[in-house]
Amino acid sequence: MKILLKYIDKHGFKGLVAYIKMKIGMTHAIKMPNILHPIALRPRTSDLPTFDQVFLGLEYNINFTFKIERIIDAGGNIGLAAIYFANKYPNAKITSVEPEKDNFKMCVKNTKNYNNVTTVQKALSNSNGEELYIKDSGLGSWAFTTVSKREGIPESNKVLTINIEEILNQNNWDIVDIVKIDIEGAEKELFDSNFERWIPRTKCIIIELHDRMKKGCSKSFFKTISQYNFSCELRGENLILINLEF
């Protein structure tokens, strides 16, 4: 009941309709206020709590003092964060990176009507072009991890890595305004090495750390980020870091 009331409070009648559709499994075309196109969710999956986080918890509703023009959405999942950003910042260019094939198909489906969103089926890491494998952690479609050894994982689960510097180069971006990182433990490798060419060019990092999925994530992240001049704020499950050099 509390969630229902929150949907009504934040989104009015459309919020009520969205809540009812999600409860009865009619999730192929959820319409929300101020969102240009309907959103498809897979019923009875982690798509639903992810939707709650983005559109009810408004975890990416951040007031920035600078203009948002370039966004990297790493751990794109089914495209919900990209959709939120595309509507909040309609003039921004967004690259959404998602490694898992079924999530990626949903991400493409949900973002295909947004000309400012580009989707990439790769795994964000500190390397470029390395072969990894998608592993099902058993925690739902929002918690796939990447591993370097196949270990019984189907060959079809193979995916190539991409690093942030390569994304910047492909887009001809000198700087990036937001890098959102929710990559289920792969942040450990991301911040272990090869960060020097992208962190100084990043205005804001939004990150969820996953020590419960891979030991050492927080240690790697804080060791690296302490070398730079960022403010840090905890908001829900995310850390919001603002580069004070801009």
C-alpha atoms as a PDB file:
ATOM      1  CA  MET A   1       0.000   0.000   0.000  1.00  0.00           C
ATOM      2  CA  LYS A   2       2.861   2.394   0.777  1.00  0.00           C
ATOM      3  CA  ILE A   3       4.324   1.913  -2.704  1.00  0.00           C
ATOM      4  CA  LEU A   4       0.910   2.495  -4.297  1.00  0.00           C
ATOM      5  CA  LEU A   5       0.484   5.750  -2.398  1.00  0.00           C
ATOM      6  CA  LYS A   6       3.961   6.851  -3.459  1.00  0.00           C
ATOM      7  CA  TYR A   7       3.136   6.215  -7.111  1.00  0.00           C
ATOM      8  CA  ILE A   8      -0.058   8.253  -6.793  1.00  0.00           C
ATOM      9  CA  ASP A   9       1.697  11.019  -4.870  1.00  0.00           C
ATOM     10  CA  LYS A  10       4.559  11.364  -7.356  1.00  0.00           C
ATOM     11  CA  HIS A  11       2.822  10.534 -10.638  1.00  0.00           C
ATOM     12  CA  GLY A  12      -0.928  10.981 -10.129  1.00  0.00           C
ATOM     13  CA  PHE A  13      -3.385   8.936 -12.188  1.00  0.00           C
ATOM     14  CA  LYS A  14      -0.695   7.592 -14.533  1.00  0.00           C
ATOM     15  CA  GLY A  15       1.201   6.417 -11.473  1.00  0.00           C
ATOM     16  CA  LEU A  16      -1.891   4.545 -10.276  1.00  0.00           C
ATOM     17  CA  VAL A  17      -2.351   2.902 -13.684  1.00  0.00           C
ATOM     18  CA  ALA A  18       1.333   1.952 -13.862  1.00  0.00           C
ATOM     19  CA  TYR A  19       1.192   0.372 -10.403  1.00  0.00           C
ATOM     20  CA  ILE A  20      -1.917  -1.669 -11.269  1.00  0.00           C
ATOM     21  CA  LYS A  21      -0.386  -2.870 -14.548  1.00  0.00           C
ATOM     22  CA  MET A  22       2.752  -4.011 -12.761  1.00  0.00           C
ATOM     23  CA  LYS A  23       0.753  -5.848 -10.102  1.00  0.00           C
ATOM     24  CA  ILE A  24      -1.297  -7.802 -12.668  1.00  0.00           C
ATOM     25  CA  GLY A  25       1.589  -8.440 -15.069  1.00  0.00           C
ATOM     26  CA  MET A  26       0.521  -6.125 -17.910  1.00  0.00           C
ATOM     27  CA  THR A  27       3.938  -4.558 -18.232  1.00  0.00           C
ATOM     28  CA  HIS A  28       4.524  -4.423 -21.989  1.00  0.00           C
ATOM     29  CA  ALA A  29       3.738  -0.690 -22.244  1.00  0.00           C
ATOM     30  CA  ILE A  30       3.969   1.317 -19.019  1.00  0.00           C
ATOM     31  CA  LYS A  31       3.235   5.026 -19.493  1.00  0.00           C
ATOM     32  CA  MET A  32       4.627   7.583 -17.067  1.00  0.00           C
ATOM     33  CA  PRO A  33       4.220  11.365 -16.786  1.00  0.00           C
ATOM     34  CA  ASN A  34       6.972  13.353 -18.505  1.00  0.00           C
ATOM     35  CA  ILE A  35       8.293  10.211 -20.229  1.00  0.00           C
ATOM     36  CA  LEU A  36       7.864  10.425 -23.995  1.00  0.00           C
ATOM     37  CA  HIS A  37       7.469   6.754 -24.837  1.00  0.00           C
ATOM     38  CA  PRO A  38       5.959   3.683 -23.099  1.00  0.00           C
ATOM     39  CA  ILE A  39       8.343   1.411 -21.203  1.00  0.00           C
ATOM     40  CA  ALA A  40       8.384  -2.388 -21.475  1.00  0.00           C
ATOM     41  CA  LEU A  41       9.102  -4.485 -18.383  1.00  0.00           C
ATOM     42  CA  ARG A  42       9.305  -8.238 -17.984  1.00  0.00           C
ATOM     43  CA  PRO A  43       6.655  -9.336 -15.455  1.00  0.00           C
ATOM     44  CA  ARG A  44       7.742 -10.943 -12.196  1.00  0.00           C
ATOM     45  CA  THR A  45      11.401 -10.038 -12.694  1.00  0.00           C
ATOM     46  CA  SER A  46      13.850  -7.584 -11.158  1.00  0.00           C
ATOM     47  CA  ASP A  47      12.739  -5.125 -13.862  1.00  0.00           C
ATOM     48  CA  LEU A  48       9.988  -4.073 -11.446  1.00  0.00           C
ATOM     49  CA  PRO A  49      12.128  -3.028  -8.447  1.00  0.00           C
ATOM     50  CA  THR A  50      14.570  -1.412 -10.873  1.00  0.00           C
ATOM     51  CA  PHE A  51      11.676   0.617 -12.285  1.00  0.00           C
ATOM     52  CA  ASP A  52      10.722   1.598  -8.719  1.00  0.00           C
ATOM     53  CA  GLN A  53      14.259   2.802  -8.013  1.00  0.00           C
ATOM     54  CA  VAL A  54      14.436   4.973 -11.115  1.00  0.00           C
ATOM     55  CA  PHE A  55      10.912   6.379 -11.384  1.00  0.00           C
ATOM     56  CA  LEU A  56       9.641   6.187  -7.808  1.00  0.00           C
ATOM     57  CA  GLY A  57      12.828   6.588  -5.787  1.00  0.00           C
ATOM     58  CA  LEU A  58      14.113   9.061  -8.409  1.00  0.00           C
ATOM     59  CA  GLU A  59      17.673   8.026  -7.608  1.00  0.00           C
ATOM     60  CA  TYR A  60      19.044   9.930 -10.617  1.00  0.00           C
ATOM     61  CA  ASN A  61      17.149  13.149  -9.908  1.00  0.00           C
ATOM     62  CA  ILE A  62      20.232  15.203  -9.093  1.00  0.00           C
ATOM     63  CA  ASN A  63      20.496  18.973  -9.269  1.00  0.00           C
ATOM     64  CA  PHE A  64      23.675  19.817 -11.151  1.00  0.00           C
ATOM     65  CA  THR A  65      25.295  23.237 -11.390  1.00  0.00           C
ATOM     66  CA  PHE A  66      26.588  22.470 -14.884  1.00  0.00           C
ATOM     67  CA  LYS A  67      24.931  21.662 -18.195  1.00  0.00           C
ATOM     68  CA  ILE A  68      24.448  17.963 -18.959  1.00  0.00           C
ATOM     69  CA  GLU A  69      25.378  17.121 -22.554  1.00  0.00           C
ATOM     70  CA  ARG A  70      27.230  13.775 -22.458  1.00  0.00           C
ATOM     71  CA  ILE A  71      26.290  10.696 -20.407  1.00  0.00           C
ATOM     72  CA  ILE A  72      27.664   7.162 -20.122  1.00  0.00           C
ATOM     73  CA  ASP A  73      25.180   4.694 -18.626  1.00  0.00           C
ATOM     74  CA  ALA A  74      27.250   1.648 -17.628  1.00  0.00           C
ATOM     75  CA  GLY A  75      25.197  -1.292 -16.542  1.00  0.00           C
ATOM     76  CA  GLY A  76      22.364  -0.178 -18.795  1.00  0.00           C
ATOM     77  CA  ASN A  77      20.180  -3.172 -17.874  1.00  0.00           C
ATOM     78  CA  ILE A  78      16.863  -2.699 -19.741  1.00  0.00           C
ATOM     79  CA  GLY A  79      17.421   1.001 -20.408  1.00  0.00           C
ATOM     80  CA  LEU A  80      15.530   2.602 -17.523  1.00  0.00           C
ATOM     81  CA  ALA A  81      18.301   4.977 -16.446  1.00  0.00           C
ATOM     82  CA  ALA A  82      18.941   5.910 -20.080  1.00  0.00           C
ATOM     83  CA  ILE A  83      15.232   6.656 -20.520  1.00  0.00           C
ATOM     84  CA  TYR A  84      15.215   8.810 -17.394  1.00  0.00           C
ATOM     85  CA  PHE A  85      18.285  10.734 -18.561  1.00  0.00           C
ATOM     86  CA  ALA A  86      16.950  11.076 -22.129  1.00  0.00           C
ATOM     87  CA  ASN A  87      13.775  12.731 -20.868  1.00  0.00           C
ATOM     88  CA  LYS A  88      15.417  14.872 -18.190  1.00  0.00           C
ATOM     89  CA  TYR A  89      18.221  15.981 -20.528  1.00  0.00           C
ATOM     90  CA  PRO A  90      16.705  15.812 -24.050  1.00  0.00           C
ATOM     91  CA  ASN A  91      19.700  17.542 -25.625  1.00  0.00           C
ATOM     92  CA  ALA A  92      22.259  15.197 -24.078  1.00  0.00           C
ATOM     93  CA  LYS A  93      23.964  12.356 -25.941  1.00  0.00           C
ATOM     94  CA  ILE A  94      23.753   9.080 -24.008  1.00  0.00           C
ATOM     95  CA  THR A  95      25.720   5.859 -24.486  1.00  0.00           C
ATOM     96  CA  SER A  96      24.186   2.906 -22.633  1.00  0.00           C
ATOM     97  CA  VAL A  97      26.449  -0.131 -22.136  1.00  0.00           C
ATOM     98  CA  GLU A  98      24.927  -3.513 -21.202  1.00  0.00           C
ATOM     99  CA  PRO A  99      26.657  -6.906 -21.587  1.00  0.00           C
ATOM    100  CA  GLU A 100      23.871  -9.443 -20.984  1.00  0.00           C
ATOM    101  CA  LYS A 101      22.030 -10.349 -24.199  1.00  0.00           C
ATOM    102  CA  ASP A 102      18.429 -10.489 -22.919  1.00  0.00           C
ATOM    103  CA  ASN A 103      18.789  -7.284 -20.923  1.00  0.00           C
ATOM    104  CA  PHE A 104      20.392  -5.680 -23.969  1.00  0.00           C
ATOM    105  CA  LYS A 105      17.453  -6.646 -26.204  1.00  0.00           C
ATOM    106  CA  MET A 106      15.107  -4.955 -23.730  1.00  0.00           C
ATOM    107  CA  CYS A 107      17.408  -1.930 -23.569  1.00  0.00           C
ATOM    108  CA  VAL A 108      17.288  -1.582 -27.363  1.00  0.00           C
ATOM    109  CA  LYS A 109      13.501  -2.006 -27.352  1.00  0.00           C
ATOM    110  CA  ASN A 110      12.995   0.620 -24.656  1.00  0.00           C
ATOM    111  CA  THR A 111      15.367   3.223 -26.095  1.00  0.00           C
ATOM    112  CA  LYS A 112      14.813   2.780 -29.847  1.00  0.00           C
ATOM    113  CA  ASN A 113      12.572   5.862 -30.057  1.00  0.00           C
ATOM    114  CA  TYR A 114      15.174   8.111 -28.430  1.00  0.00           C
ATOM    115  CA  ASN A 115      17.535   9.485 -31.063  1.00  0.00           C
ATOM    116  CA  ASN A 116      19.922  10.681 -28.365  1.00  0.00           C
ATOM    117  CA  VAL A 117      20.536   7.179 -26.935  1.00  0.00           C
ATOM    118  CA  THR A 118      23.124   4.775 -28.357  1.00  0.00           C
ATOM    119  CA  THR A 119      23.244   1.184 -27.062  1.00  0.00           C
ATOM    120  CA  VAL A 120      26.405  -0.938 -26.866  1.00  0.00           C
ATOM    121  CA  GLN A 121      26.442  -4.644 -25.993  1.00  0.00           C
ATOM    122  CA  LYS A 122      29.761  -4.853 -24.195  1.00  0.00           C
ATOM    123  CA  ALA A 123      31.047  -5.100 -20.625  1.00  0.00           C
ATOM    124  CA  LEU A 124      32.570  -1.975 -19.112  1.00  0.00           C
ATOM    125  CA  SER A 125      36.031  -2.652 -17.736  1.00  0.00           C
ATOM    126  CA  ASN A 126      39.567  -1.263 -17.551  1.00  0.00           C
ATOM    127  CA  SER A 127      40.476  -3.077 -20.780  1.00  0.00           C
ATOM    128  CA  ASN A 128      39.255  -2.900 -24.351  1.00  0.00           C
ATOM    129  CA  GLY A 129      38.423  -5.972 -26.439  1.00  0.00           C
ATOM    130  CA  GLU A 130      39.031  -8.585 -23.730  1.00  0.00           C
ATOM    131  CA  GLU A 131      36.788 -11.663 -23.762  1.00  0.00           C
ATOM    132  CA  LEU A 132      34.660 -12.187 -20.640  1.00  0.00           C
ATOM    133  CA  TYR A 133      31.706 -14.419 -19.819  1.00  0.00           C
ATOM    134  CA  ILE A 134      28.328 -13.460 -18.390  1.00  0.00           C
ATOM    135  CA  LYS A 135      27.560 -15.393 -15.202  1.00  0.00           C
ATOM    136  CA  ASP A 136      24.090 -15.710 -13.707  1.00  0.00           C
ATOM    137  CA  SER A 137      24.435 -14.933 -10.008  1.00  0.00           C
ATOM    138  CA  GLY A 138      20.937 -16.244  -9.293  1.00  0.00           C
ATOM    139  CA  LEU A 139      19.804 -12.837  -8.033  1.00  0.00           C
ATOM    140  CA  GLY A 140      17.721 -11.813 -11.023  1.00  0.00           C
ATOM    141  CA  SER A 141      18.271  -9.963 -14.275  1.00  0.00           C
ATOM    142  CA  TRP A 142      19.756  -6.934 -12.495  1.00  0.00           C
ATOM    143  CA  ALA A 143      22.661  -8.935 -11.055  1.00  0.00           C
ATOM    144  CA  PHE A 144      24.546 -10.671 -13.866  1.00  0.00           C
ATOM    145  CA  THR A 145      28.307 -10.636 -13.312  1.00  0.00           C
ATOM    146  CA  THR A 146      31.270 -10.955 -15.672  1.00  0.00           C
ATOM    147  CA  VAL A 147      34.101 -13.457 -15.188  1.00  0.00           C
ATOM    148  CA  SER A 148      37.287 -14.145 -17.125  1.00  0.00           C
ATOM    149  CA  LYS A 149      37.085 -17.952 -16.978  1.00  0.00           C
ATOM    150  CA  ARG A 150      34.320 -19.828 -18.749  1.00  0.00           C
ATOM    151  CA  GLU A 151      33.856 -22.483 -16.009  1.00  0.00           C
ATOM    152  CA  GLY A 152      30.853 -24.216 -17.570  1.00  0.00           C
ATOM    153  CA  ILE A 153      29.279 -21.018 -18.852  1.00  0.00           C
ATOM    154  CA  PRO A 154      27.801 -21.331 -22.379  1.00  0.00           C
ATOM    155  CA  GLU A 155      29.916 -19.947 -25.224  1.00  0.00           C
ATOM    156  CA  SER A 156      26.936 -17.775 -26.162  1.00  0.00           C
ATOM    157  CA  ASN A 157      27.510 -15.827 -22.933  1.00  0.00           C
ATOM    158  CA  LYS A 158      30.822 -14.464 -24.195  1.00  0.00           C
ATOM    159  CA  VAL A 159      31.108 -10.682 -24.387  1.00  0.00           C
ATOM    160  CA  LEU A 160      33.872  -8.202 -25.178  1.00  0.00           C
ATOM    161  CA  THR A 161      34.979  -5.440 -22.838  1.00  0.00           C
ATOM    162  CA  ILE A 162      35.079  -1.737 -23.542  1.00  0.00           C
ATOM    163  CA  ASN A 163      36.728   0.950 -21.438  1.00  0.00           C
ATOM    164  CA  ILE A 164      35.557   4.478 -20.820  1.00  0.00           C
ATOM    165  CA  GLU A 165      38.393   6.046 -22.788  1.00  0.00           C
ATOM    166  CA  GLU A 166      37.252   4.104 -25.866  1.00  0.00           C
ATOM    167  CA  ILE A 167      33.666   5.319 -25.400  1.00  0.00           C
ATOM    168  CA  LEU A 168      34.915   8.903 -25.175  1.00  0.00           C
ATOM    169  CA  ASN A 169      37.008   8.428 -28.313  1.00  0.00           C
ATOM    170  CA  GLN A 170      34.165   6.838 -30.283  1.00  0.00           C
ATOM    171  CA  ASN A 171      31.926   9.794 -29.450  1.00  0.00           C
ATOM    172  CA  ASN A 172      34.668  12.421 -29.924  1.00  0.00           C
ATOM    173  CA  TRP A 173      34.062  13.634 -26.366  1.00  0.00           C
ATOM    174  CA  ASP A 174      36.802  15.577 -24.598  1.00  0.00           C
ATOM    175  CA  ILE A 175      34.852  15.346 -21.344  1.00  0.00           C
ATOM    176  CA  VAL A 176      31.815  13.474 -20.047  1.00  0.00           C
ATOM    177  CA  ASP A 177      29.279  15.042 -17.723  1.00  0.00           C
ATOM    178  CA  ILE A 178      27.853  11.908 -16.057  1.00  0.00           C
ATOM    179  CA  VAL A 179      29.294   8.408 -15.805  1.00  0.00           C
ATOM    180  CA  LYS A 180      26.717   6.185 -14.117  1.00  0.00           C
ATOM    181  CA  ILE A 181      28.236   2.867 -12.993  1.00  0.00           C
ATOM    182  CA  ASP A 182      26.150  -0.084 -11.806  1.00  0.00           C
ATOM    183  CA  ILE A 183      28.128  -3.067 -13.082  1.00  0.00           C
ATOM    184  CA  GLU A 184      27.718  -5.737 -10.403  1.00  0.00           C
ATOM    185  CA  GLY A 185      31.281  -5.941  -9.093  1.00  0.00           C
ATOM    186  CA  ALA A 186      33.158  -5.124 -12.299  1.00  0.00           C
ATOM    187  CA  GLU A 187      33.874  -1.707 -10.787  1.00  0.00           C
ATOM    188  CA  LYS A 188      36.804  -3.368  -8.993  1.00  0.00           C
ATOM    189  CA  GLU A 189      38.672  -3.857 -12.266  1.00  0.00           C
ATOM    190  CA  LEU A 190      37.446  -0.534 -13.641  1.00  0.00           C
ATOM    191  CA  PHE A 191      39.162   1.362 -10.824  1.00  0.00           C
ATOM    192  CA  ASP A 192      42.166  -0.951 -10.470  1.00  0.00           C
ATOM    193  CA  SER A 193      44.022   0.482 -13.469  1.00  0.00           C
ATOM    194  CA  ASN A 194      43.801   2.530 -16.682  1.00  0.00           C
ATOM    195  CA  PHE A 195      41.636   5.172 -15.034  1.00  0.00           C
ATOM    196  CA  GLU A 196      44.014   8.086 -15.568  1.00  0.00           C
ATOM    197  CA  ARG A 197      42.666   8.923 -19.018  1.00  0.00           C
ATOM    198  CA  TRP A 198      38.987   9.210 -18.084  1.00  0.00           C
ATOM    199  CA  ILE A 199      38.524  10.189 -14.429  1.00  0.00           C
ATOM    200  CA  PRO A 200      40.026  13.698 -14.877  1.00  0.00           C
ATOM    201  CA  ARG A 201      37.660  14.177 -17.842  1.00  0.00           C
ATOM    202  CA  THR A 202      34.548  13.231 -15.845  1.00  0.00           C
ATOM    203  CA  LYS A 203      32.377  15.831 -14.101  1.00  0.00           C
ATOM    204  CA  CYS A 204      30.138  13.434 -12.138  1.00  0.00           C
ATOM    205  CA  ILE A 205      30.350   9.751 -11.212  1.00  0.00           C
ATOM    206  CA  ILE A 206      27.233   7.961  -9.971  1.00  0.00           C
ATOM    207  CA  ILE A 207      28.209   4.539  -8.669  1.00  0.00           C
ATOM    208  CA  GLU A 208      26.793   1.604  -6.736  1.00  0.00           C
ATOM    209  CA  LEU A 209      29.478  -0.552  -5.101  1.00  0.00           C
ATOM    210  CA  HIS A 210      29.049  -4.332  -4.926  1.00  0.00           C
ATOM    211  CA  ASP A 211      31.394  -5.777  -2.313  1.00  0.00           C
ATOM    212  CA  ARG A 212      28.739  -8.402  -1.604  1.00  0.00           C
ATOM    213  CA  MET A 213      29.306  -9.710  -5.129  1.00  0.00           C
ATOM    214  CA  LYS A 214      33.059  -9.191  -5.453  1.00  0.00           C
ATOM    215  CA  LYS A 215      35.454  -8.503  -2.594  1.00  0.00           C
ATOM    216  CA  GLY A 216      37.590  -5.413  -2.897  1.00  0.00           C
ATOM    217  CA  CYS A 217      35.240  -3.202  -4.918  1.00  0.00           C
ATOM    218  CA  SER A 218      35.107  -0.411  -2.348  1.00  0.00           C
ATOM    219  CA  LYS A 219      38.827  -0.636  -1.618  1.00  0.00           C
ATOM    220  CA  SER A 220      39.709  -0.330  -5.306  1.00  0.00           C
ATOM    221  CA  PHE A 221      37.268   2.534  -5.841  1.00  0.00           C
ATOM    222  CA  PHE A 222      38.236   4.660  -2.830  1.00  0.00           C
ATOM    223  CA  LYS A 223      41.970   4.087  -3.324  1.00  0.00           C
ATOM    224  CA  THR A 224      41.695   5.460  -6.831  1.00  0.00           C
ATOM    225  CA  ILE A 225      39.158   8.231  -6.334  1.00  0.00           C
ATOM    226  CA  SER A 226      41.133   9.634  -3.370  1.00  0.00           C
ATOM    227  CA  GLN A 227      43.787  10.676  -5.881  1.00  0.00           C
ATOM    228  CA  TYR A 228      41.342  13.180  -7.361  1.00  0.00           C
ATOM    229  CA  ASN A 229      39.383  16.172  -6.110  1.00  0.00           C
ATOM    230  CA  PHE A 230      35.794  14.917  -5.859  1.00  0.00           C
ATOM    231  CA  SER A 231      33.037  15.699  -3.386  1.00  0.00           C
ATOM    232  CA  CYS A 232      31.091  12.628  -2.289  1.00  0.00           C
ATOM    233  CA  GLU A 233      27.471  12.186  -1.217  1.00  0.00           C
ATOM    234  CA  LEU A 234      25.554   9.007  -0.396  1.00  0.00           C
ATOM    235  CA  ARG A 235      22.088   8.823  -1.940  1.00  0.00           C
ATOM    236  CA  GLY A 236      20.255   5.543  -1.460  1.00  0.00           C
ATOM    237  CA  GLU A 237      22.476   2.788  -2.850  1.00  0.00           C
ATOM    238  CA  ASN A 238      24.546   5.229  -4.919  1.00  0.00           C
ATOM    239  CA  LEU A 239      27.524   7.439  -4.282  1.00  0.00           C
ATOM    240  CA  ILE A 240      27.330  10.781  -6.094  1.00  0.00           C
ATOM    241  CA  LEU A 241      30.767  12.228  -6.820  1.00  0.00           C
ATOM    242  CA  ILE A 242      31.296  15.698  -8.288  1.00  0.00           C
ATOM    243  CA  ASN A 243      34.645  16.672  -9.793  1.00  0.00           C
ATOM    244  CA  LEU A 244      35.612  19.937  -8.112  1.00  0.00           C
ATOM    245  CA  GLU A 245      38.207  20.732 -10.771  1.00  0.00           C
ATOM    246  CA  PHE A 246      35.473  21.839 -13.187  1.00  0.00           C
END
